[in-house]
Amino acid sequence: MKFKDRRDAGRRLATALDAWRGRPDVLVLALPRGGVPVAWEVARALGAPLDVLVVRKLGFPGQEEFAMGAIASGGIRVMSDTEGAWPVSERQLEAIVAREQAELERRERRYRSGRPPLELAGRVLVLVDDGLATGATMSAAVKAARSAGPNRIVVAVPVASVEAVQIVGALADEVVCPYTPEHFRAVGLWYEDFAQTSDEEVDLLLSGAAGSQ
């Protein structure tokens, strides 16, 4: 099974989240950038507001698609269980963290366009991305969201590795993932179109969602 693109994945994912449709306490949080088109479709189907939770993967030098860990707003840092296996010095790691922290702050400024973050306390948070490979990025997102005092955290992704679902499931209250292929390899393999989501597309979707809230 493959998804046509992220919007198609979001529509299919939304059908697995029907129990949360129409509830006033639900808030959908997208992990930019790839999670935003997926989350936009989920929020539209559930009739819920949409916001972003900015998280940055800490990629291994030269092989950035492999996550050593991730950071999120609020000073959250999560390292993968294989951290010690990476031949990366402390100085290299801190340089990677500093670079990704700067990008995290840039994205927060751009995507919010002066809009304050939506209130997370006491709500059901549906955290959405386009897929989970290692689970490191979503783990950082769950920990950051948990610190805001929500009633429940639901992680929702169209596709994930079995291992990532287990890792994230230990942190979230619920994981909704319609597709966990046995031979996962990479998120992009399960999409016909997995072109990088642009800042412009994120701006467009978030501004449209803000206008409807």
Foldseek 3Di string as FASTA:
>chain_A
DFAAELLSLLQVLLVLVQVQAPDAQEEEEEEPDQFLSSSLSNCVRRVHFYYYWYKAFQAQVPGGVDGQAIATPPGFTGGAPCNVVRPADPVRSVVSVVVRVVVSVVLVCLLCVPPDDDQAAAGEYEYTHQEEERLRRVQNSLVVSVVSHYPFYEYTYAEYAPNNCVVVVVRGVYYRYPYHDPPCPDSVVRYPDYPHGDSVNSNVSNVVSVVVD
